[in-house]
Amino acid sequence: MSRNGKLARLPREIREELNRRLQDNEPGGSLLAWLNALPATQAVLAREFGACAISKQNLCEGRAGGFAEWQARQETLAQARGTGGRGERTRGGDGRAIDGPPGHGAGGPLRRGFGGLERRGDD
């Protein structure tokens, strides 16, 4: 979903930092003070919103929208990297790391099961 509010119009670096701070449960008052003091924020607000500062309501809507989407993306990326979103390696049903060395984890039994097969000429 494409967002178009005050927070969505900020530069990517600022949005990323805001999301990290929201994830760390930084209080809204300090987030607003930080955001509204940034020259890049002030430039966007002046250009697109009549210099009207980012409000508590904007931050609340951003938490429910853009931040929630960011969190979901971060969790998906963490799972794809094998950290399960918690900085841990993803484990298979047998408790071994899925991304472990050959012969271990999810692919190990399959590799071992086909290890004795030889290639036929008609393949």
PDB file of N, CA and C in Angstrom:
ATOM      1  N   MET A   1       0.847  -1.181   0.000  1.00  0.00           N
ATOM      2  CA  MET A   1       0.000   0.000   0.000  1.00  0.00           C
ATOM      3  C   MET A   1       0.888   1.239   0.000  1.00  0.00           C
ATOM      4  N   SER A   2       0.545   2.169  -0.840  1.00  0.00           N
ATOM      5  CA  SER A   2       1.288   3.422  -0.915  1.00  0.00           C
ATOM      6  C   SER A   2       0.718   4.402   0.107  1.00  0.00           C
ATOM      7  N   ARG A   3       1.588   4.961   0.894  1.00  0.00           N
ATOM      8  CA  ARG A   3       1.163   5.897   1.945  1.00  0.00           C
ATOM      9  C   ARG A   3       1.483   7.316   1.496  1.00  0.00           C
ATOM     10  N   ASN A   4       0.692   8.299   1.987  1.00  0.00           N
ATOM     11  CA  ASN A   4       0.903   9.672   1.529  1.00  0.00           C
ATOM     12  C   ASN A   4       0.852  10.710   2.642  1.00  0.00           C
ATOM     13  N   GLY A   5       0.897  10.294   3.905  1.00  0.00           N
ATOM     14  CA  GLY A   5       0.861  11.235   5.020  1.00  0.00           C
ATOM     15  C   GLY A   5       2.210  11.897   5.249  1.00  0.00           C
ATOM     16  N   LYS A   6       2.270  12.676   6.314  1.00  0.00           N
ATOM     17  CA  LYS A   6       3.493  13.411   6.643  1.00  0.00           C
ATOM     18  C   LYS A   6       4.678  12.475   6.846  1.00  0.00           C
ATOM     19  N   LEU A   7       4.486  11.420   7.607  1.00  0.00           N
ATOM     20  CA  LEU A   7       5.601  10.507   7.880  1.00  0.00           C
ATOM     21  C   LEU A   7       6.040   9.776   6.617  1.00  0.00           C
ATOM     22  N   ALA A   8       5.081   9.405   5.783  1.00  0.00           N
ATOM     23  CA  ALA A   8       5.406   8.678   4.556  1.00  0.00           C
ATOM     24  C   ALA A   8       6.196   9.528   3.572  1.00  0.00           C
ATOM     25  N   ARG A   9       6.073  10.834   3.668  1.00  0.00           N
ATOM     26  CA  ARG A   9       6.776  11.726   2.735  1.00  0.00           C
ATOM     27  C   ARG A   9       8.192  12.067   3.184  1.00  0.00           C
ATOM     28  N   LEU A  10       8.545  11.664   4.386  1.00  0.00           N
ATOM     29  CA  LEU A  10       9.904  11.942   4.878  1.00  0.00           C
ATOM     30  C   LEU A  10      10.916  11.092   4.123  1.00  0.00           C
ATOM     31  N   PRO A  11      12.174  11.536   4.077  1.00  0.00           N
ATOM     32  CA  PRO A  11      13.208  10.733   3.424  1.00  0.00           C
ATOM     33  C   PRO A  11      13.316   9.352   4.071  1.00  0.00           C
ATOM     34  N   ARG A  12      13.693   8.381   3.280  1.00  0.00           N
ATOM     35  CA  ARG A  12      13.782   6.981   3.712  1.00  0.00           C
ATOM     36  C   ARG A  12      14.623   6.815   4.975  1.00  0.00           C
ATOM     37  N   GLU A  13      15.765   7.487   5.037  1.00  0.00           N
ATOM     38  CA  GLU A  13      16.655   7.337   6.192  1.00  0.00           C
ATOM     39  C   GLU A  13      15.961   7.762   7.489  1.00  0.00           C
ATOM     40  N   ILE A  14      15.183   8.824   7.407  1.00  0.00           N
ATOM     41  CA  ILE A  14      14.464   9.314   8.587  1.00  0.00           C
ATOM     42  C   ILE A  14      13.362   8.323   8.966  1.00  0.00           C
ATOM     43  N   ARG A  15      12.640   7.816   7.970  1.00  0.00           N
ATOM     44  CA  ARG A  15      11.587   6.833   8.258  1.00  0.00           C
ATOM     45  C   ARG A  15      12.176   5.569   8.891  1.00  0.00           C
ATOM     46  N   GLU A  16      13.309   5.126   8.395  1.00  0.00           N
ATOM     47  CA  GLU A  16      13.959   3.934   8.966  1.00  0.00           C
ATOM     48  C   GLU A  16      14.355   4.177  10.420  1.00  0.00           C
ATOM     49  N   GLU A  17      14.944   5.338  10.686  1.00  0.00           N
ATOM     50  CA  GLU A  17      15.331   5.671  12.061  1.00  0.00           C
ATOM     51  C   GLU A  17      14.105   5.786  12.959  1.00  0.00           C
ATOM     52  N   LEU A  18      13.052   6.393  12.457  1.00  0.00           N
ATOM     53  CA  LEU A  18      11.810   6.502  13.220  1.00  0.00           C
ATOM     54  C   LEU A  18      11.282   5.108  13.562  1.00  0.00           C
ATOM     55  N   ASN A  19      11.262   4.221  12.591  1.00  0.00           N
ATOM     56  CA  ASN A  19      10.770   2.863  12.837  1.00  0.00           C
ATOM     57  C   ASN A  19      11.616   2.133  13.872  1.00  0.00           C
ATOM     58  N   ARG A  20      12.923   2.297  13.817  1.00  0.00           N
ATOM     59  CA  ARG A  20      13.792   1.663  14.826  1.00  0.00           C
ATOM     60  C   ARG A  20      13.492   2.228  16.213  1.00  0.00           C
ATOM     61  N   ARG A  21      13.282   3.529  16.291  1.00  0.00           N
ATOM     62  CA  ARG A  21      12.977   4.153  17.581  1.00  0.00           C
ATOM     63  C   ARG A  21      11.605   3.729  18.101  1.00  0.00           C
ATOM     64  N   LEU A  22      10.640   3.588  17.203  1.00  0.00           N
ATOM     65  CA  LEU A  22       9.327   3.090  17.609  1.00  0.00           C
ATOM     66  C   LEU A  22       9.454   1.650  18.123  1.00  0.00           C
ATOM     67  N   GLN A  23      10.247   0.864  17.435  1.00  0.00           N
ATOM     68  CA  GLN A  23      10.455  -0.520  17.858  1.00  0.00           C
ATOM     69  C   GLN A  23      11.099  -0.582  19.247  1.00  0.00           C
ATOM     70  N   ASP A  24      11.937   0.387  19.548  1.00  0.00           N
ATOM     71  CA  ASP A  24      12.592   0.458  20.861  1.00  0.00           C
ATOM     72  C   ASP A  24      11.714   1.134  21.914  1.00  0.00           C
ATOM     73  N   ASN A  25      10.456   1.402  21.555  1.00  0.00           N
ATOM     74  CA  ASN A  25       9.479   2.009  22.471  1.00  0.00           C
ATOM     75  C   ASN A  25       9.881   3.383  22.984  1.00  0.00           C
ATOM     76  N   GLU A  26      10.517   4.167  22.137  1.00  0.00           N
ATOM     77  CA  GLU A  26      10.847   5.541  22.521  1.00  0.00           C
ATOM     78  C   GLU A  26       9.547   6.337  22.680  1.00  0.00           C
ATOM     79  N   PRO A  27       9.446   7.144  23.707  1.00  0.00           N
ATOM     80  CA  PRO A  27       8.210   7.910  23.939  1.00  0.00           C
ATOM     81  C   PRO A  27       7.887   8.862  22.783  1.00  0.00           C
ATOM     82  N   GLY A  28       6.585   9.004  22.546  1.00  0.00           N
ATOM     83  CA  GLY A  28       6.119   9.839  21.451  1.00  0.00           C
ATOM     84  C   GLY A  28       6.584  11.278  21.523  1.00  0.00           C
ATOM     85  N   GLY A  29       6.617  11.844  22.724  1.00  0.00           N
ATOM     86  CA  GLY A  29       7.039  13.239  22.868  1.00  0.00           C
ATOM     87  C   GLY A  29       8.456  13.471  22.386  1.00  0.00           C
ATOM     88  N   SER A  30       9.352  12.568  22.733  1.00  0.00           N
ATOM     89  CA  SER A  30      10.745  12.744  22.283  1.00  0.00           C
ATOM     90  C   SER A  30      10.871  12.474  20.788  1.00  0.00           C
ATOM     91  N   LEU A  31      10.060  11.558  20.260  1.00  0.00           N
ATOM     92  CA  LEU A  31      10.075  11.316  18.811  1.00  0.00           C
ATOM     93  C   LEU A  31       9.602  12.545  18.051  1.00  0.00           C
ATOM     94  N   LEU A  32       8.536  13.157  18.543  1.00  0.00           N
ATOM     95  CA  LEU A  32       8.024  14.356  17.875  1.00  0.00           C
ATOM     96  C   LEU A  32       9.033  15.498  17.922  1.00  0.00           C
ATOM     97  N   ALA A  33       9.664  15.685  19.076  1.00  0.00           N
ATOM     98  CA  ALA A  33      10.675  16.748  19.201  1.00  0.00           C
ATOM     99  C   ALA A  33      11.822  16.499  18.226  1.00  0.00           C
ATOM    100  N   TRP A  34      12.283  15.257  18.162  1.00  0.00           N
ATOM    101  CA  TRP A  34      13.390  14.906  17.257  1.00  0.00           C
ATOM    102  C   TRP A  34      12.985  15.122  15.802  1.00  0.00           C
ATOM    103  N   LEU A  35      11.826  14.553  15.406  1.00  0.00           N
ATOM    104  CA  LEU A  35      11.382  14.652  14.017  1.00  0.00           C
ATOM    105  C   LEU A  35      11.182  16.099  13.572  1.00  0.00           C
ATOM    106  N   ASN A  36      10.456  16.860  14.373  1.00  0.00           N
ATOM    107  CA  ASN A  36      10.123  18.228  13.975  1.00  0.00           C
ATOM    108  C   ASN A  36      11.324  19.165  13.973  1.00  0.00           C
ATOM    109  N   ALA A  37      12.417  18.769  14.628  1.00  0.00           N
ATOM    110  CA  ALA A  37      13.628  19.600  14.649  1.00  0.00           C
ATOM    111  C   ALA A  37      14.549  19.323  13.463  1.00  0.00           C
ATOM    112  N   LEU A  38      14.343  18.225  12.772  1.00  0.00           N
ATOM    113  CA  LEU A  38      15.229  17.873  11.654  1.00  0.00           C
ATOM    114  C   LEU A  38      15.012  18.807  10.461  1.00  0.00           C
ATOM    115  N   PRO A  39      16.085  19.352   9.899  1.00  0.00           N
ATOM    116  CA  PRO A  39      15.941  20.226   8.721  1.00  0.00           C
ATOM    117  C   PRO A  39      15.227  19.534   7.549  1.00  0.00           C
ATOM    118  N   ALA A  40      15.496  18.262   7.321  1.00  0.00           N
ATOM    119  CA  ALA A  40      14.849  17.551   6.213  1.00  0.00           C
ATOM    120  C   ALA A  40      13.346  17.440   6.453  1.00  0.00           C
ATOM    121  N   THR A  41      12.951  17.201   7.696  1.00  0.00           N
ATOM    122  CA  THR A  41      11.528  17.146   8.036  1.00  0.00           C
ATOM    123  C   THR A  41      10.890  18.506   7.817  1.00  0.00           C
ATOM    124  N   GLN A  42      11.548  19.547   8.296  1.00  0.00           N
ATOM    125  CA  GLN A  42      11.009  20.901   8.150  1.00  0.00           C
ATOM    126  C   GLN A  42      10.835  21.267   6.672  1.00  0.00           C
ATOM    127  N   ALA A  43      11.763  20.820   5.836  1.00  0.00           N
ATOM    128  CA  ALA A  43      11.670  21.116   4.405  1.00  0.00           C
ATOM    129  C   ALA A  43      10.457  20.415   3.786  1.00  0.00           C
ATOM    130  N   VAL A  44      10.237  19.150   4.124  1.00  0.00           N
ATOM    131  CA  VAL A  44       9.075  18.417   3.598  1.00  0.00           C
ATOM    132  C   VAL A  44       7.785  19.053   4.085  1.00  0.00           C
ATOM    133  N   LEU A  45       7.739  19.376   5.368  1.00  0.00           N
ATOM    134  CA  LEU A  45       6.532  19.978   5.928  1.00  0.00           C
ATOM    135  C   LEU A  45       6.232  21.336   5.289  1.00  0.00           C
ATOM    136  N   ALA A  46       7.261  22.127   5.057  1.00  0.00           N
ATOM    137  CA  ALA A  46       7.066  23.438   4.428  1.00  0.00           C
ATOM    138  C   ALA A  46       6.590  23.283   2.984  1.00  0.00           C
ATOM    139  N   ARG A  47       7.188  22.358   2.272  1.00  0.00           N
ATOM    140  CA  ARG A  47       6.883  22.176   0.855  1.00  0.00           C
ATOM    141  C   ARG A  47       5.498  21.548   0.623  1.00  0.00           C
ATOM    142  N   GLU A  48       5.122  20.589   1.488  1.00  0.00           N
ATOM    143  CA  GLU A  48       3.917  19.816   1.192  1.00  0.00           C
ATOM    144  C   GLU A  48       2.773  19.964   2.188  1.00  0.00           C
ATOM    145  N   PHE A  49       3.040  20.555   3.349  1.00  0.00           N
ATOM    146  CA  PHE A  49       1.999  20.602   4.378  1.00  0.00           C
ATOM    147  C   PHE A  49       1.880  21.975   5.048  1.00  0.00           C
ATOM    148  N   GLY A  50       2.264  23.024   4.343  1.00  0.00           N
ATOM    149  CA  GLY A  50       2.128  24.371   4.883  1.00  0.00           C
ATOM    150  C   GLY A  50       2.888  24.580   6.182  1.00  0.00           C
ATOM    151  N   ALA A  51       3.996  23.885   6.340  1.00  0.00           N
ATOM    152  CA  ALA A  51       4.872  23.981   7.516  1.00  0.00           C
ATOM    153  C   ALA A  51       4.191  23.540   8.813  1.00  0.00           C
ATOM    154  N   CYS A  52       3.119  22.794   8.706  1.00  0.00           N
ATOM    155  CA  CYS A  52       2.408  22.279   9.882  1.00  0.00           C
ATOM    156  C   CYS A  52       3.188  21.091  10.449  1.00  0.00           C
ATOM    157  N   ALA A  53       3.552  21.183  11.720  1.00  0.00           N
ATOM    158  CA  ALA A  53       4.410  20.180  12.353  1.00  0.00           C
ATOM    159  C   ALA A  53       3.744  18.806  12.416  1.00  0.00           C
ATOM    160  N   ILE A  54       4.567  17.784  12.554  1.00  0.00           N
ATOM    161  CA  ILE A  54       4.077  16.423  12.774  1.00  0.00           C
ATOM    162  C   ILE A  54       3.452  16.384  14.167  1.00  0.00           C
ATOM    163  N   SER A  55       2.248  15.848  14.263  1.00  0.00           N
ATOM    164  CA  SER A  55       1.489  15.846  15.517  1.00  0.00           C
ATOM    165  C   SER A  55       1.444  14.449  16.148  1.00  0.00           C
ATOM    166  N   LYS A  56       0.892  14.398  17.359  1.00  0.00           N
ATOM    167  CA  LYS A  56       0.683  13.109  18.029  1.00  0.00           C
ATOM    168  C   LYS A  56      -0.213  12.216  17.172  1.00  0.00           C
ATOM    169  N   GLN A  57      -1.214  12.820  16.559  1.00  0.00           N
ATOM    170  CA  GLN A  57      -2.130  12.058  15.702  1.00  0.00           C
ATOM    171  C   GLN A  57      -1.395  11.461  14.508  1.00  0.00           C
ATOM    172  N   ASN A  58      -0.505  12.251  13.892  1.00  0.00           N
ATOM    173  CA  ASN A  58       0.284  11.731  12.772  1.00  0.00           C
ATOM    174  C   ASN A  58       1.125  10.540  13.218  1.00  0.00           C
ATOM    175  N   LEU A  59       1.734  10.669  14.384  1.00  0.00           N
ATOM    176  CA  LEU A  59       2.575   9.593  14.913  1.00  0.00           C
ATOM    177  C   LEU A  59       1.738   8.352  15.221  1.00  0.00           C
ATOM    178  N   CYS A  60       0.569   8.535  15.794  1.00  0.00           N
ATOM    179  CA  CYS A  60      -0.333   7.430  16.104  1.00  0.00           C
ATOM    180  C   CYS A  60      -0.752   6.696  14.824  1.00  0.00           C
ATOM    181  N   GLU A  61      -1.106   7.466  13.799  1.00  0.00           N
ATOM    182  CA  GLU A  61      -1.490   6.861  12.521  1.00  0.00           C
ATOM    183  C   GLU A  61      -0.305   6.157  11.869  1.00  0.00           C
ATOM    184  N   GLY A  62       0.879   6.740  12.028  1.00  0.00           N
ATOM    185  CA  GLY A  62       2.087   6.111  11.483  1.00  0.00           C
ATOM    186  C   GLY A  62       2.411   4.794  12.167  1.00  0.00           C
ATOM    187  N   ARG A  63       2.173   4.727  13.468  1.00  0.00           N
ATOM    188  CA  ARG A  63       2.394   3.471  14.203  1.00  0.00           C
ATOM    189  C   ARG A  63       1.493   2.370  13.661  1.00  0.00           C
ATOM    190  N   ALA A  64       0.235   2.711  13.422  1.00  0.00           N
ATOM    191  CA  ALA A  64      -0.739   1.726  12.959  1.00  0.00           C
ATOM    192  C   ALA A  64      -0.564   1.374  11.483  1.00  0.00           C
ATOM    193  N   GLY A  65       0.050   2.256  10.723  1.00  0.00           N
ATOM    194  CA  GLY A  65       0.191   2.035   9.284  1.00  0.00           C
ATOM    195  C   GLY A  65       1.591   1.655   8.862  1.00  0.00           C
ATOM    196  N   GLY A  66       2.391   2.674   8.583  1.00  0.00           N
ATOM    197  CA  GLY A  66       3.738   2.449   8.055  1.00  0.00           C
ATOM    198  C   GLY A  66       4.637   1.641   8.980  1.00  0.00           C
ATOM    199  N   PHE A  67       4.559   1.893  10.275  1.00  0.00           N
ATOM    200  CA  PHE A  67       5.389   1.157  11.228  1.00  0.00           C
ATOM    201  C   PHE A  67       4.984  -0.312  11.276  1.00  0.00           C
ATOM    202  N   ALA A  68       3.681  -0.585  11.294  1.00  0.00           N
ATOM    203  CA  ALA A  68       3.218  -1.976  11.309  1.00  0.00           C
ATOM    204  C   ALA A  68       3.690  -2.710  10.059  1.00  0.00           C
ATOM    205  N   GLU A  69       3.642  -2.044   8.908  1.00  0.00           N
ATOM    206  CA  GLU A  69       4.138  -2.655   7.667  1.00  0.00           C
ATOM    207  C   GLU A  69       5.639  -2.895   7.749  1.00  0.00           C
ATOM    208  N   TRP A  70       6.374  -1.938   8.294  1.00  0.00           N
ATOM    209  CA  TRP A  70       7.820  -2.068   8.444  1.00  0.00           C
ATOM    210  C   TRP A  70       8.149  -3.260   9.336  1.00  0.00           C
ATOM    211  N   GLN A  71       7.427  -3.395  10.455  1.00  0.00           N
ATOM    212  CA  GLN A  71       7.667  -4.524  11.362  1.00  0.00           C
ATOM    213  C   GLN A  71       7.429  -5.853  10.646  1.00  0.00           C
ATOM    214  N   ALA A  72       6.359  -5.944   9.886  1.00  0.00           N
ATOM    215  CA  ALA A  72       6.063  -7.174   9.155  1.00  0.00           C
ATOM    216  C   ALA A  72       7.177  -7.492   8.159  1.00  0.00           C
ATOM    217  N   ARG A  73       7.686  -6.462   7.467  1.00  0.00           N
ATOM    218  CA  ARG A  73       8.799  -6.673   6.534  1.00  0.00           C
ATOM    219  C   ARG A  73      10.052  -7.143   7.266  1.00  0.00           C
ATOM    220  N   GLN A  74      10.323  -6.547   8.417  1.00  0.00           N
ATOM    221  CA  GLN A  74      11.507  -6.925   9.185  1.00  0.00           C
ATOM    222  C   GLN A  74      11.416  -8.387   9.631  1.00  0.00           C
ATOM    223  N   GLU A  75      10.239  -8.814  10.065  1.00  0.00           N
ATOM    224  CA  GLU A  75      10.048 -10.195  10.488  1.00  0.00           C
ATOM    225  C   GLU A  75      10.220 -11.150   9.322  1.00  0.00           C
ATOM    226  N   THR A  76       9.678 -10.775   8.158  1.00  0.00           N
ATOM    227  CA  THR A  76       9.821 -11.608   6.966  1.00  0.00           C
ATOM    228  C   THR A  76      11.291 -11.721   6.567  1.00  0.00           C
ATOM    229  N   LEU A  77      12.002 -10.603   6.589  1.00  0.00           N
ATOM    230  CA  LEU A  77      13.426 -10.616   6.252  1.00  0.00           C
ATOM    231  C   LEU A  77      14.223 -11.453   7.248  1.00  0.00           C
ATOM    232  N   ALA A  78      13.903 -11.335   8.526  1.00  0.00           N
ATOM    233  CA  ALA A  78      14.602 -12.106   9.555  1.00  0.00           C
ATOM    234  C   ALA A  78      14.373 -13.595   9.352  1.00  0.00           C
ATOM    235  N   GLN A  79      13.158 -13.981   9.011  1.00  0.00           N
ATOM    236  CA  GLN A  79      12.872 -15.393   8.771  1.00  0.00           C
ATOM    237  C   GLN A  79      13.602 -15.886   7.535  1.00  0.00           C
ATOM    238  N   ALA A  80      13.661 -15.046   6.508  1.00  0.00           N
ATOM    239  CA  ALA A  80      14.371 -15.431   5.285  1.00  0.00           C
ATOM    240  C   ALA A  80      15.864 -15.603   5.541  1.00  0.00           C
ATOM    241  N   ARG A  81      16.404 -14.809   6.466  1.00  0.00           N
ATOM    242  CA  ARG A  81      17.817 -14.928   6.825  1.00  0.00           C
ATOM    243  C   ARG A  81      18.042 -16.063   7.811  1.00  0.00           C
ATOM    244  N   GLY A  82      16.966 -16.659   8.297  1.00  0.00           N
ATOM    245  CA  GLY A  82      17.100 -17.773   9.221  1.00  0.00           C
ATOM    246  C   GLY A  82      17.238 -17.358  10.665  1.00  0.00           C
ATOM    247  N   THR A  83      16.811 -16.157  11.011  1.00  0.00           N
ATOM    248  CA  THR A  83      16.921 -15.730  12.404  1.00  0.00           C
ATOM    249  C   THR A  83      15.598 -15.801  13.123  1.00  0.00           C
ATOM    250  N   GLY A  84      14.516 -16.134  12.427  1.00  0.00           N
ATOM    251  CA  GLY A  84      13.212 -16.247  13.053  1.00  0.00           C
ATOM    252  C   GLY A  84      12.733 -14.962  13.693  1.00  0.00           C
ATOM    253  N   GLY A  85      13.329 -13.838  13.349  1.00  0.00           N
ATOM    254  CA  GLY A  85      12.906 -12.562  13.892  1.00  0.00           C
ATOM    255  C   GLY A  85      13.460 -12.270  15.273  1.00  0.00           C
ATOM    256  N   ARG A  86      14.239 -13.186  15.835  1.00  0.00           N
ATOM    257  CA  ARG A  86      14.733 -13.004  17.194  1.00  0.00           C
ATOM    258  C   ARG A  86      16.250 -13.103  17.267  1.00  0.00           C
ATOM    259  N   GLY A  87      16.915 -13.030  16.127  1.00  0.00           N
ATOM    260  CA  GLY A  87      18.368 -13.118  16.137  1.00  0.00           C
ATOM    261  C   GLY A  87      18.869 -14.532  16.360  1.00  0.00           C
ATOM    262  N   GLU A  88      17.987 -15.536  16.192  1.00  0.00           N
ATOM    263  CA  GLU A  88      18.381 -16.924  16.361  1.00  0.00           C
ATOM    264  C   GLU A  88      18.350 -17.610  15.008  1.00  0.00           C
ATOM    265  N   ARG A  89      19.065 -18.724  14.889  1.00  0.00           N
ATOM    266  CA  ARG A  89      18.998 -19.494  13.665  1.00  0.00           C
ATOM    267  C   ARG A  89      17.704 -20.288  13.655  1.00  0.00           C
ATOM    268  N   THR A  90      17.108 -20.417  12.493  1.00  0.00           N
ATOM    269  CA  THR A  90      15.898 -21.202  12.369  1.00  0.00           C
ATOM    270  C   THR A  90      16.251 -22.664  12.521  1.00  0.00           C
ATOM    271  N   ARG A  91      15.430 -23.393  13.244  1.00  0.00           N
ATOM    272  CA  ARG A  91      15.689 -24.795  13.529  1.00  0.00           C
ATOM    273  C   ARG A  91      14.616 -25.662  12.897  1.00  0.00           C
ATOM    274  N   GLY A  92      15.018 -26.830  12.452  1.00  0.00           N
ATOM    275  CA  GLY A  92      14.076 -27.797  11.910  1.00  0.00           C
ATOM    276  C   GLY A  92      13.361 -28.520  13.036  1.00  0.00           C
ATOM    277  N   GLY A  93      12.488 -29.448  12.685  1.00  0.00           N
ATOM    278  CA  GLY A  93      11.727 -30.200  13.659  1.00  0.00           C
ATOM    279  C   GLY A  93      12.596 -31.034  14.583  1.00  0.00           C
ATOM    280  N   ASP A  94      13.785 -31.399  14.115  1.00  0.00           N
ATOM    281  CA  ASP A  94      14.686 -32.201  14.947  1.00  0.00           C
ATOM    282  C   ASP A  94      15.589 -31.340  15.826  1.00  0.00           C
ATOM    283  N   GLY A  95      15.405 -30.007  15.765  1.00  0.00           N
ATOM    284  CA  GLY A  95      16.183 -29.106  16.606  1.00  0.00           C
ATOM    285  C   GLY A  95      17.492 -28.650  16.001  1.00  0.00           C
ATOM    286  N   ARG A  96      17.878 -29.245  14.862  1.00  0.00           N
ATOM    287  CA  ARG A  96      19.139 -28.842  14.226  1.00  0.00           C
ATOM    288  C   ARG A  96      18.916 -27.625  13.331  1.00  0.00           C
ATOM    289  N   ALA A  97      19.955 -26.824  13.188  1.00  0.00           N
ATOM    290  CA  ALA A  97      19.862 -25.622  12.360  1.00  0.00           C
ATOM    291  C   ALA A  97      19.594 -26.009  10.918  1.00  0.00           C
ATOM    292  N   ILE A  98      18.619 -25.337  10.308  1.00  0.00           N
ATOM    293  CA  ILE A  98      18.286 -25.625   8.915  1.00  0.00           C
ATOM    294  C   ILE A  98      19.421 -25.229   7.988  1.00  0.00           C
ATOM    295  N   ASP A  99      20.131 -24.164   8.334  1.00  0.00           N
ATOM    296  CA  ASP A  99      21.201 -23.692   7.463  1.00  0.00           C
ATOM    297  C   ASP A  99      22.554 -24.244   7.889  1.00  0.00           C
ATOM    298  N   GLY A 100      22.552 -25.382   8.535  1.00  0.00           N
ATOM    299  CA  GLY A 100      23.785 -25.986   9.042  1.00  0.00           C
ATOM    300  C   GLY A 100      24.634 -26.590   7.944  1.00  0.00           C
ATOM    301  N   PRO A 101      25.692 -27.295   8.336  1.00  0.00           N
ATOM    302  CA  PRO A 101      26.608 -27.888   7.371  1.00  0.00           C
ATOM    303  C   PRO A 101      25.952 -29.034   6.619  1.00  0.00           C
ATOM    304  N   PRO A 102      26.520 -29.467   5.484  1.00  0.00           N
ATOM    305  CA  PRO A 102      25.961 -30.578   4.720  1.00  0.00           C
ATOM    306  C   PRO A 102      25.754 -31.795   5.614  1.00  0.00           C
ATOM    307  N   GLY A 103      24.625 -32.455   5.396  1.00  0.00           N
ATOM    308  CA  GLY A 103      24.327 -33.639   6.183  1.00  0.00           C
ATOM    309  C   GLY A 103      23.565 -33.329   7.456  1.00  0.00           C
ATOM    310  N   HIS A 104      23.331 -32.056   7.735  1.00  0.00           N
ATOM    311  CA  HIS A 104      22.596 -31.653   8.934  1.00  0.00           C
ATOM    312  C   HIS A 104      21.410 -30.802   8.538  1.00  0.00           C
ATOM    313  N   GLY A 105      20.481 -30.631   9.441  1.00  0.00           N
ATOM    314  CA  GLY A 105      19.343 -29.745   9.202  1.00  0.00           C
ATOM    315  C   GLY A 105      18.359 -30.338   8.226  1.00  0.00           C
ATOM    316  N   ALA A 106      17.522 -29.473   7.660  1.00  0.00           N
ATOM    317  CA  ALA A 106      16.404 -29.926   6.843  1.00  0.00           C
ATOM    318  C   ALA A 106      16.830 -30.657   5.582  1.00  0.00           C
ATOM    319  N   GLY A 107      17.903 -30.239   4.945  1.00  0.00           N
ATOM    320  CA  GLY A 107      18.314 -30.874   3.698  1.00  0.00           C
ATOM    321  C   GLY A 107      19.145 -32.119   3.894  1.00  0.00           C
ATOM    322  N   GLY A 108      19.648 -32.380   5.092  1.00  0.00           N
ATOM    323  CA  GLY A 108      20.552 -33.496   5.343  1.00  0.00           C
ATOM    324  C   GLY A 108      19.989 -34.853   5.004  1.00  0.00           C
ATOM    325  N   PRO A 109      18.832 -35.240   5.563  1.00  0.00           N
ATOM    326  CA  PRO A 109      18.292 -36.557   5.268  1.00  0.00           C
ATOM    327  C   PRO A 109      18.024 -36.750   3.782  1.00  0.00           C
ATOM    328  N   LEU A 110      17.576 -35.712   3.104  1.00  0.00           N
ATOM    329  CA  LEU A 110      17.319 -35.820   1.677  1.00  0.00           C
ATOM    330  C   LEU A 110      18.620 -36.044   0.924  1.00  0.00           C
ATOM    331  N   ARG A 111      19.643 -35.287   1.273  1.00  0.00           N
ATOM    332  CA  ARG A 111      20.935 -35.466   0.607  1.00  0.00           C
ATOM    333  C   ARG A 111      21.476 -36.856   0.865  1.00  0.00           C
ATOM    334  N   ARG A 112      21.367 -37.323   2.100  1.00  0.00           N
ATOM    335  CA  ARG A 112      21.866 -38.664   2.416  1.00  0.00           C
ATOM    336  C   ARG A 112      21.036 -39.718   1.697  1.00  0.00           C
ATOM    337  N   GLY A 113      19.729 -39.496   1.575  1.00  0.00           N
ATOM    338  CA  GLY A 113      18.842 -40.470   0.941  1.00  0.00           C
ATOM    339  C   GLY A 113      19.146 -40.661  -0.528  1.00  0.00           C
ATOM    340  N   PHE A 114      19.612 -39.650  -1.202  1.00  0.00           N
ATOM    341  CA  PHE A 114      19.913 -39.750  -2.623  1.00  0.00           C
ATOM    342  C   PHE A 114      21.406 -39.874  -2.880  1.00  0.00           C
ATOM    343  N   GLY A 115      22.205 -39.912  -1.827  1.00  0.00           N
ATOM    344  CA  GLY A 115      23.650 -39.944  -1.989  1.00  0.00           C
ATOM    345  C   GLY A 115      24.168 -41.166  -2.717  1.00  0.00           C
ATOM    346  N   GLY A 116      23.476 -42.316  -2.613  1.00  0.00           N
ATOM    347  CA  GLY A 116      23.958 -43.539  -3.242  1.00  0.00           C
ATOM    348  C   GLY A 116      23.506 -43.715  -4.673  1.00  0.00           C
ATOM    349  N   LEU A 117      22.648 -42.846  -5.169  1.00  0.00           N
ATOM    350  CA  LEU A 117      22.169 -42.987  -6.539  1.00  0.00           C
ATOM    351  C   LEU A 117      23.221 -42.512  -7.524  1.00  0.00           C
ATOM    352  N   GLU A 118      23.322 -43.237  -8.608  1.00  0.00           N
ATOM    353  CA  GLU A 118      24.246 -42.822  -9.662  1.00  0.00           C
ATOM    354  C   GLU A 118      23.434 -42.264 -10.809  1.00  0.00           C
ATOM    355  N   ARG A 119      24.036 -41.384 -11.521  1.00  0.00           N
ATOM    356  CA  ARG A 119      23.376 -40.774 -12.667  1.00  0.00           C
ATOM    357  C   ARG A 119      23.326 -41.751 -13.812  1.00  0.00           C
ATOM    358  N   ARG A 120      22.152 -41.852 -14.434  1.00  0.00           N
ATOM    359  CA  ARG A 120      22.024 -42.715 -15.590  1.00  0.00           C
ATOM    360  C   ARG A 120      22.222 -41.896 -16.846  1.00  0.00           C
ATOM    361  N   GLY A 121      22.621 -42.530 -17.891  1.00  0.00           N
ATOM    362  CA  GLY A 121      22.897 -41.849 -19.143  1.00  0.00           C
ATOM    363  C   GLY A 121      21.677 -41.294 -19.836  1.00  0.00           C
ATOM    364  N   ASP A 122      20.480 -41.795 -19.525  1.00  0.00           N
ATOM    365  CA  ASP A 122      19.281 -41.330 -20.230  1.00  0.00           C
ATOM    366  C   ASP A 122      18.580 -40.186 -19.508  1.00  0.00           C
ATOM    367  N   ASP A 123      19.193 -39.559 -18.514  1.00  0.00           N
ATOM    368  CA  ASP A 123      18.593 -38.443 -17.776  1.00  0.00           C
ATOM    369  C   ASP A 123      18.743 -37.142 -18.494  1.00  0.00           C
TER     370      ASP A 123
END
